[in-house]
Amino acid sequence: ARFRQVIGVAPMTYVRDRRLEQARLLLERTNHPVKVVAWSVGYANVSHFDRAFRRATGLTPAAFRSQTKTGGHAR
């Protein structure tokens, strides 16, 4: 409860958000395959990564990368 009071979100939510933030950076700045990005940020299962990323951004990791490489804007 203390973590939530100080940070404002549950510990697992905080961890997930940081992992997905790092994934966004890797997708924008590298050409690593999506599965390597998933593994790099702690997702052993690429399907779980894909689902979490889509919930957070509204796009699949591949679509996010494609959009950011072409100058589009993801949320």
Foldseek 3Di string as FASTA:
>chain_A
DVCCVVVVDDPVVVLLVVLLVQLLVCLQPHPDPQCVSCVVSPHPDSVVVQVSNCVVWVDGSVVSSVQNVVPHDID
